[in-house]
Amino acid sequence: MAQVNDVLSSNLALVVVALVGVCVAVIILLSVLVSRVSVLRRRLDNLTRGVEGTDLEAVMTKHLESVFKVARDLDAASGRIEDLEDSAVAHFSHLGLIRFNPFNDMGSNQSFALALLDGRGNGLVVSSLHSRSGTRLYAKPVTGGRADAALSDEEAQAIEVALGHKKRGASTPVVRSAAVTRAGNPVPPAADAPRL
């Protein structure tokens, strides 16, 4: 032990310098660790924001429950969207309207042919012939864009307009007004006729 004291005594300045160096290194290391702990504390606070308590496991459990709930809701919404898309094919979504004047002594394009088709081109074409003595309505089925019965020119045009609307994929009906007589003579549209 006396030898250790002699060595320390003779090298006291060197021992003090070494101890000061160790203390400086410990202080630097401590400041780095404090800095890292504060960064981790901020991250933990960001993770636990909005959740009671600061237990990280509880926070992660709550977040996972939220993620699973969103996934379940998304799956349910996707199923409902698929059902709506499947049923929408059967709705009349493609329309074609042709207004015309079938008789020379009548004006105002009060007669019409209206094609109502679904997403598969199935539906019907309704025709109305208006004359001074009355109005007659006719309906003809349409399958795959083709009618089972003979069509008038206006009925064929109405189906063509509806099918053109289907091909374009438009979401609003297409309406076209034709101002012609059966003889093919142009007739000016009536004041109440839509301007398209």
C-alpha atoms as a PDB file:
ATOM      1  CA  MET A   1       0.000   0.000   0.000  1.00  0.00           C
ATOM      2  CA  ALA A   2       2.905   2.303   0.716  1.00  0.00           C
ATOM      3  CA  GLN A   3       4.139   1.762  -2.765  1.00  0.00           C
ATOM      4  CA  VAL A   4       0.746   2.829  -4.212  1.00  0.00           C
ATOM      5  CA  ASN A   5       0.834   6.001  -2.092  1.00  0.00           C
ATOM      6  CA  ASP A   6       4.353   6.747  -3.256  1.00  0.00           C
ATOM      7  CA  VAL A   7       3.359   6.291  -6.919  1.00  0.00           C
ATOM      8  CA  LEU A   8       0.270   8.497  -6.450  1.00  0.00           C
ATOM      9  CA  SER A   9       2.241  11.154  -4.623  1.00  0.00           C
ATOM     10  CA  SER A  10       4.916  11.357  -7.235  1.00  0.00           C
ATOM     11  CA  ASN A  11       2.364  11.446 -10.082  1.00  0.00           C
ATOM     12  CA  LEU A  12      -0.352  13.469  -8.352  1.00  0.00           C
ATOM     13  CA  ALA A  13      -0.597  16.025 -11.131  1.00  0.00           C
ATOM     14  CA  LEU A  14      -1.009  13.294 -13.706  1.00  0.00           C
ATOM     15  CA  VAL A  15      -3.695  11.538 -11.620  1.00  0.00           C
ATOM     16  CA  VAL A  16      -5.617  14.818 -11.193  1.00  0.00           C
ATOM     17  CA  VAL A  17      -5.478  15.468 -14.949  1.00  0.00           C
ATOM     18  CA  ALA A  18      -6.718  11.923 -15.624  1.00  0.00           C
ATOM     19  CA  LEU A  19      -9.572  12.325 -13.124  1.00  0.00           C
ATOM     20  CA  VAL A  20     -10.546  15.697 -14.612  1.00  0.00           C
ATOM     21  CA  GLY A  21     -10.528  14.090 -18.078  1.00  0.00           C
ATOM     22  CA  VAL A  22     -12.748  11.265 -16.837  1.00  0.00           C
ATOM     23  CA  CYS A  23     -15.129  13.805 -15.229  1.00  0.00           C
ATOM     24  CA  VAL A  24     -15.299  15.845 -18.463  1.00  0.00           C
ATOM     25  CA  ALA A  25     -15.989  12.677 -20.451  1.00  0.00           C
ATOM     26  CA  VAL A  26     -18.717  11.665 -17.974  1.00  0.00           C
ATOM     27  CA  ILE A  27     -20.286  15.167 -18.195  1.00  0.00           C
ATOM     28  CA  ILE A  28     -20.250  15.041 -22.011  1.00  0.00           C
ATOM     29  CA  LEU A  29     -21.711  11.545 -22.007  1.00  0.00           C
ATOM     30  CA  LEU A  30     -24.357  12.615 -19.502  1.00  0.00           C
ATOM     31  CA  SER A  31     -25.359  15.634 -21.615  1.00  0.00           C
ATOM     32  CA  VAL A  32     -25.656  13.397 -24.720  1.00  0.00           C
ATOM     33  CA  LEU A  33     -27.811  10.939 -22.767  1.00  0.00           C
ATOM     34  CA  VAL A  34     -30.028  13.755 -21.419  1.00  0.00           C
ATOM     35  CA  SER A  35     -30.475  15.039 -24.970  1.00  0.00           C
ATOM     36  CA  ARG A  36     -31.455  11.603 -26.247  1.00  0.00           C
ATOM     37  CA  VAL A  37     -33.845  11.060 -23.346  1.00  0.00           C
ATOM     38  CA  SER A  38     -35.556  14.389 -24.087  1.00  0.00           C
ATOM     39  CA  VAL A  39     -35.940  13.414 -27.763  1.00  0.00           C
ATOM     40  CA  LEU A  40     -37.398  10.056 -26.728  1.00  0.00           C
ATOM     41  CA  ARG A  41     -39.690  11.810 -24.236  1.00  0.00           C
ATOM     42  CA  ARG A  42     -41.011  14.097 -27.017  1.00  0.00           C
ATOM     43  CA  ARG A  43     -41.608  11.087 -29.268  1.00  0.00           C
ATOM     44  CA  LEU A  44     -43.405   9.258 -26.482  1.00  0.00           C
ATOM     45  CA  ASP A  45     -45.546  12.335 -25.802  1.00  0.00           C
ATOM     46  CA  ASN A  46     -46.442  12.502 -29.512  1.00  0.00           C
ATOM     47  CA  LEU A  47     -47.387   8.817 -29.493  1.00  0.00           C
ATOM     48  CA  THR A  48     -49.490   9.089 -26.347  1.00  0.00           C
ATOM     49  CA  ARG A  49     -51.228  12.349 -27.237  1.00  0.00           C
ATOM     50  CA  GLY A  50     -55.031  12.001 -26.920  1.00  0.00           C
ATOM     51  CA  VAL A  51     -54.808   8.820 -24.846  1.00  0.00           C
ATOM     52  CA  GLU A  52     -55.233   8.776 -21.113  1.00  0.00           C
ATOM     53  CA  GLY A  53     -52.190   7.583 -19.265  1.00  0.00           C
ATOM     54  CA  THR A  54     -48.724   7.248 -20.677  1.00  0.00           C
ATOM     55  CA  ASP A  55     -48.477   3.464 -20.844  1.00  0.00           C
ATOM     56  CA  LEU A  56     -47.043   2.809 -24.305  1.00  0.00           C
ATOM     57  CA  GLU A  57     -48.591  -0.659 -24.499  1.00  0.00           C
ATOM     58  CA  ALA A  58     -52.067   0.785 -23.849  1.00  0.00           C
ATOM     59  CA  VAL A  59     -51.470   3.457 -26.474  1.00  0.00           C
ATOM     60  CA  MET A  60     -50.363   0.920 -29.076  1.00  0.00           C
ATOM     61  CA  THR A  61     -53.346  -1.312 -28.252  1.00  0.00           C
ATOM     62  CA  LYS A  62     -55.737   1.604 -28.721  1.00  0.00           C
ATOM     63  CA  HIS A  63     -54.097   2.554 -32.026  1.00  0.00           C
ATOM     64  CA  LEU A  64     -54.289  -1.044 -33.288  1.00  0.00           C
ATOM     65  CA  GLU A  65     -57.971  -1.215 -32.340  1.00  0.00           C
ATOM     66  CA  SER A  66     -58.550   1.967 -34.357  1.00  0.00           C
ATOM     67  CA  VAL A  67     -56.680   0.554 -37.359  1.00  0.00           C
ATOM     68  CA  PHE A  68     -58.674  -2.703 -37.235  1.00  0.00           C
ATOM     69  CA  LYS A  69     -61.952  -0.767 -36.948  1.00  0.00           C
ATOM     70  CA  VAL A  70     -61.061   1.327 -40.000  1.00  0.00           C
ATOM     71  CA  ALA A  71     -60.176  -1.854 -41.921  1.00  0.00           C
ATOM     72  CA  ARG A  72     -63.514  -3.461 -40.964  1.00  0.00           C
ATOM     73  CA  ASP A  73     -65.426  -0.301 -41.955  1.00  0.00           C
ATOM     74  CA  LEU A  74     -63.567  -0.173 -45.274  1.00  0.00           C
ATOM     75  CA  ASP A  75     -64.404  -3.823 -46.005  1.00  0.00           C
ATOM     76  CA  ALA A  76     -68.084  -3.171 -45.217  1.00  0.00           C
ATOM     77  CA  ALA A  77     -68.131  -0.054 -47.429  1.00  0.00           C
ATOM     78  CA  SER A  78     -66.454  -1.947 -50.279  1.00  0.00           C
ATOM     79  CA  GLY A  79     -69.115  -4.657 -50.041  1.00  0.00           C
ATOM     80  CA  ARG A  80     -71.909  -2.080 -50.151  1.00  0.00           C
ATOM     81  CA  ILE A  81     -70.300  -0.363 -53.150  1.00  0.00           C
ATOM     82  CA  GLU A  82     -70.081  -3.685 -55.026  1.00  0.00           C
ATOM     83  CA  ASP A  83     -73.766  -4.372 -54.277  1.00  0.00           C
ATOM     84  CA  LEU A  84     -74.718  -0.906 -55.546  1.00  0.00           C
ATOM     85  CA  GLU A  85     -72.653  -1.339 -58.715  1.00  0.00           C
ATOM     86  CA  ASP A  86     -74.275  -4.716 -59.392  1.00  0.00           C
ATOM     87  CA  SER A  87     -77.796  -3.373 -58.912  1.00  0.00           C
ATOM     88  CA  ALA A  88     -77.108  -0.152 -60.853  1.00  0.00           C
ATOM     89  CA  VAL A  89     -76.681  -2.133 -64.075  1.00  0.00           C
ATOM     90  CA  ALA A  90     -80.406  -2.963 -63.982  1.00  0.00           C
ATOM     91  CA  HIS A  91     -81.589   0.651 -63.588  1.00  0.00           C
ATOM     92  CA  PHE A  92     -82.612   2.845 -66.505  1.00  0.00           C
ATOM     93  CA  SER A  93     -79.490   4.943 -66.817  1.00  0.00           C
ATOM     94  CA  HIS A  94     -79.299   5.501 -70.577  1.00  0.00           C
ATOM     95  CA  LEU A  95     -81.973   7.685 -72.106  1.00  0.00           C
ATOM     96  CA  GLY A  96     -82.646   8.962 -75.587  1.00  0.00           C
ATOM     97  CA  LEU A  97     -85.469  11.357 -76.460  1.00  0.00           C
ATOM     98  CA  ILE A  98     -86.495  12.350 -79.972  1.00  0.00           C
ATOM     99  CA  ARG A  99     -89.266  14.925 -80.377  1.00  0.00           C
ATOM    100  CA  PHE A 100     -90.930  15.167 -83.765  1.00  0.00           C
ATOM    101  CA  ASN A 101     -94.008  16.220 -85.709  1.00  0.00           C
ATOM    102  CA  PRO A 102     -95.623  13.214 -87.461  1.00  0.00           C
ATOM    103  CA  PHE A 103     -98.376  15.167 -89.212  1.00  0.00           C
ATOM    104  CA  ASN A 104     -98.186  18.190 -91.512  1.00  0.00           C
ATOM    105  CA  ASP A 105    -101.172  19.894 -89.887  1.00  0.00           C
ATOM    106  CA  MET A 106     -99.707  19.776 -86.354  1.00  0.00           C
ATOM    107  CA  GLY A 107     -96.932  21.892 -84.871  1.00  0.00           C
ATOM    108  CA  SER A 108     -94.844  22.112 -81.708  1.00  0.00           C
ATOM    109  CA  ASN A 109     -93.161  18.684 -81.930  1.00  0.00           C
ATOM    110  CA  GLN A 110     -95.604  17.246 -79.401  1.00  0.00           C
ATOM    111  CA  SER A 111     -94.924  13.645 -80.435  1.00  0.00           C
ATOM    112  CA  PHE A 112     -91.882  11.844 -79.094  1.00  0.00           C
ATOM    113  CA  ALA A 113     -89.940   8.592 -78.941  1.00  0.00           C
ATOM    114  CA  LEU A 114     -88.236   7.859 -75.602  1.00  0.00           C
ATOM    115  CA  ALA A 115     -85.727   5.029 -75.162  1.00  0.00           C
ATOM    116  CA  LEU A 116     -85.109   3.871 -71.575  1.00  0.00           C
ATOM    117  CA  LEU A 117     -82.208   1.423 -71.350  1.00  0.00           C
ATOM    118  CA  ASP A 118     -80.217  -0.132 -68.521  1.00  0.00           C
ATOM    119  CA  GLY A 119     -76.485  -0.815 -68.450  1.00  0.00           C
ATOM    120  CA  ARG A 120     -76.895  -3.914 -70.639  1.00  0.00           C
ATOM    121  CA  GLY A 121     -78.935  -2.108 -73.312  1.00  0.00           C
ATOM    122  CA  ASN A 122     -82.181  -3.716 -72.126  1.00  0.00           C
ATOM    123  CA  GLY A 123     -85.357  -1.734 -71.579  1.00  0.00           C
ATOM    124  CA  LEU A 124     -88.047  -0.233 -73.761  1.00  0.00           C
ATOM    125  CA  VAL A 125     -88.841   2.487 -76.230  1.00  0.00           C
ATOM    126  CA  VAL A 126     -92.054   4.468 -75.699  1.00  0.00           C
ATOM    127  CA  SER A 127     -93.605   6.432 -78.542  1.00  0.00           C
ATOM    128  CA  SER A 128     -96.319   9.042 -78.371  1.00  0.00           C
ATOM    129  CA  LEU A 129     -98.093  10.193 -81.531  1.00  0.00           C
ATOM    130  CA  HIS A 130    -100.070  13.359 -80.964  1.00  0.00           C
ATOM    131  CA  SER A 131    -102.774  14.433 -83.421  1.00  0.00           C
ATOM    132  CA  ARG A 132    -105.789  16.741 -83.318  1.00  0.00           C
ATOM    133  CA  SER A 133    -108.066  13.792 -82.552  1.00  0.00           C
ATOM    134  CA  GLY A 134    -105.980  12.367 -79.708  1.00  0.00           C
ATOM    135  CA  THR A 135    -102.701  10.923 -78.537  1.00  0.00           C
ATOM    136  CA  ARG A 136    -101.604   7.302 -78.897  1.00  0.00           C
ATOM    137  CA  LEU A 137     -98.873   5.616 -76.888  1.00  0.00           C
ATOM    138  CA  TYR A 138     -96.822   2.626 -77.968  1.00  0.00           C
ATOM    139  CA  ALA A 139     -94.205   0.653 -76.021  1.00  0.00           C
ATOM    140  CA  LYS A 140     -91.752  -1.831 -77.492  1.00  0.00           C
ATOM    141  CA  PRO A 141     -89.247  -3.973 -75.577  1.00  0.00           C
ATOM    142  CA  VAL A 142     -85.536  -3.571 -76.260  1.00  0.00           C
ATOM    143  CA  THR A 143     -83.013  -6.340 -75.562  1.00  0.00           C
ATOM    144  CA  GLY A 144     -79.299  -5.781 -75.949  1.00  0.00           C
ATOM    145  CA  GLY A 145     -79.936  -2.519 -77.789  1.00  0.00           C
ATOM    146  CA  ARG A 146     -82.273  -4.126 -80.371  1.00  0.00           C
ATOM    147  CA  ALA A 147     -86.040  -4.025 -80.455  1.00  0.00           C
ATOM    148  CA  ASP A 148     -88.135  -7.157 -80.907  1.00  0.00           C
ATOM    149  CA  ALA A 149     -90.650  -5.307 -83.126  1.00  0.00           C
ATOM    150  CA  ALA A 150     -90.326  -3.043 -86.144  1.00  0.00           C
ATOM    151  CA  LEU A 151     -89.275   0.490 -85.206  1.00  0.00           C
ATOM    152  CA  SER A 152     -90.141   3.866 -86.628  1.00  0.00           C
ATOM    153  CA  ASP A 153     -87.256   6.117 -87.630  1.00  0.00           C
ATOM    154  CA  GLU A 154     -87.713   8.203 -84.472  1.00  0.00           C
ATOM    155  CA  GLU A 155     -87.763   5.139 -82.212  1.00  0.00           C
ATOM    156  CA  ALA A 156     -84.561   3.875 -83.829  1.00  0.00           C
ATOM    157  CA  GLN A 157     -82.985   7.317 -83.358  1.00  0.00           C
ATOM    158  CA  ALA A 158     -84.008   7.365 -79.668  1.00  0.00           C
ATOM    159  CA  ILE A 159     -82.357   3.964 -79.128  1.00  0.00           C
ATOM    160  CA  GLU A 160     -79.274   5.138 -81.000  1.00  0.00           C
ATOM    161  CA  VAL A 161     -79.043   8.237 -78.788  1.00  0.00           C
ATOM    162  CA  ALA A 162     -79.410   6.113 -75.636  1.00  0.00           C
ATOM    163  CA  LEU A 163     -76.796   3.610 -76.823  1.00  0.00           C
ATOM    164  CA  GLY A 164     -74.453   6.438 -77.774  1.00  0.00           C
ATOM    165  CA  HIS A 165     -74.895   7.741 -74.243  1.00  0.00           C
ATOM    166  CA  LYS A 166     -74.089   4.256 -72.936  1.00  0.00           C
ATOM    167  CA  LYS A 167     -70.908   4.035 -75.041  1.00  0.00           C
ATOM    168  CA  ARG A 168     -69.706   7.416 -73.816  1.00  0.00           C
ATOM    169  CA  GLY A 169     -70.347   6.348 -70.227  1.00  0.00           C
ATOM    170  CA  ALA A 170     -71.973   9.674 -69.444  1.00  0.00           C
ATOM    171  CA  SER A 171     -73.742   9.975 -66.123  1.00  0.00           C
ATOM    172  CA  THR A 172     -76.449  12.345 -67.354  1.00  0.00           C
ATOM    173  CA  PRO A 173     -79.126  11.494 -69.897  1.00  0.00           C
ATOM    174  CA  VAL A 174     -78.692  12.599 -73.487  1.00  0.00           C
ATOM    175  CA  VAL A 175     -81.714  14.277 -75.023  1.00  0.00           C
ATOM    176  CA  ARG A 176     -81.883  15.225 -78.670  1.00  0.00           C
ATOM    177  CA  SER A 177     -84.853  16.902 -80.262  1.00  0.00           C
ATOM    178  CA  ALA A 178     -85.620  16.303 -83.919  1.00  0.00           C
ATOM    179  CA  ALA A 179     -87.901  18.774 -85.633  1.00  0.00           C
ATOM    180  CA  VAL A 180     -89.063  16.842 -88.683  1.00  0.00           C
ATOM    181  CA  THR A 181     -92.330  15.634 -90.165  1.00  0.00           C
ATOM    182  CA  ARG A 182     -92.930  12.070 -91.315  1.00  0.00           C
ATOM    183  CA  ALA A 183     -92.396  13.316 -94.859  1.00  0.00           C
ATOM    184  CA  GLY A 184     -88.954  14.559 -93.817  1.00  0.00           C
ATOM    185  CA  ASN A 185     -89.813  18.245 -94.075  1.00  0.00           C
ATOM    186  CA  PRO A 186     -88.085  20.390 -91.466  1.00  0.00           C
ATOM    187  CA  VAL A 187     -90.419  22.071 -89.010  1.00  0.00           C
ATOM    188  CA  PRO A 188     -89.277  24.912 -86.757  1.00  0.00           C
ATOM    189  CA  PRO A 189     -89.334  23.825 -83.110  1.00  0.00           C
ATOM    190  CA  ALA A 190     -92.084  25.174 -80.913  1.00  0.00           C
ATOM    191  CA  ALA A 191     -91.387  27.908 -78.426  1.00  0.00           C
ATOM    192  CA  ASP A 192     -91.719  25.444 -75.534  1.00  0.00           C
ATOM    193  CA  ALA A 193     -89.345  22.865 -77.093  1.00  0.00           C
ATOM    194  CA  PRO A 194     -86.015  22.486 -75.258  1.00  0.00           C
ATOM    195  CA  ARG A 195     -83.025  24.077 -76.937  1.00  0.00           C
ATOM    196  CA  LEU A 196     -80.166  21.574 -76.899  1.00  0.00           C
END
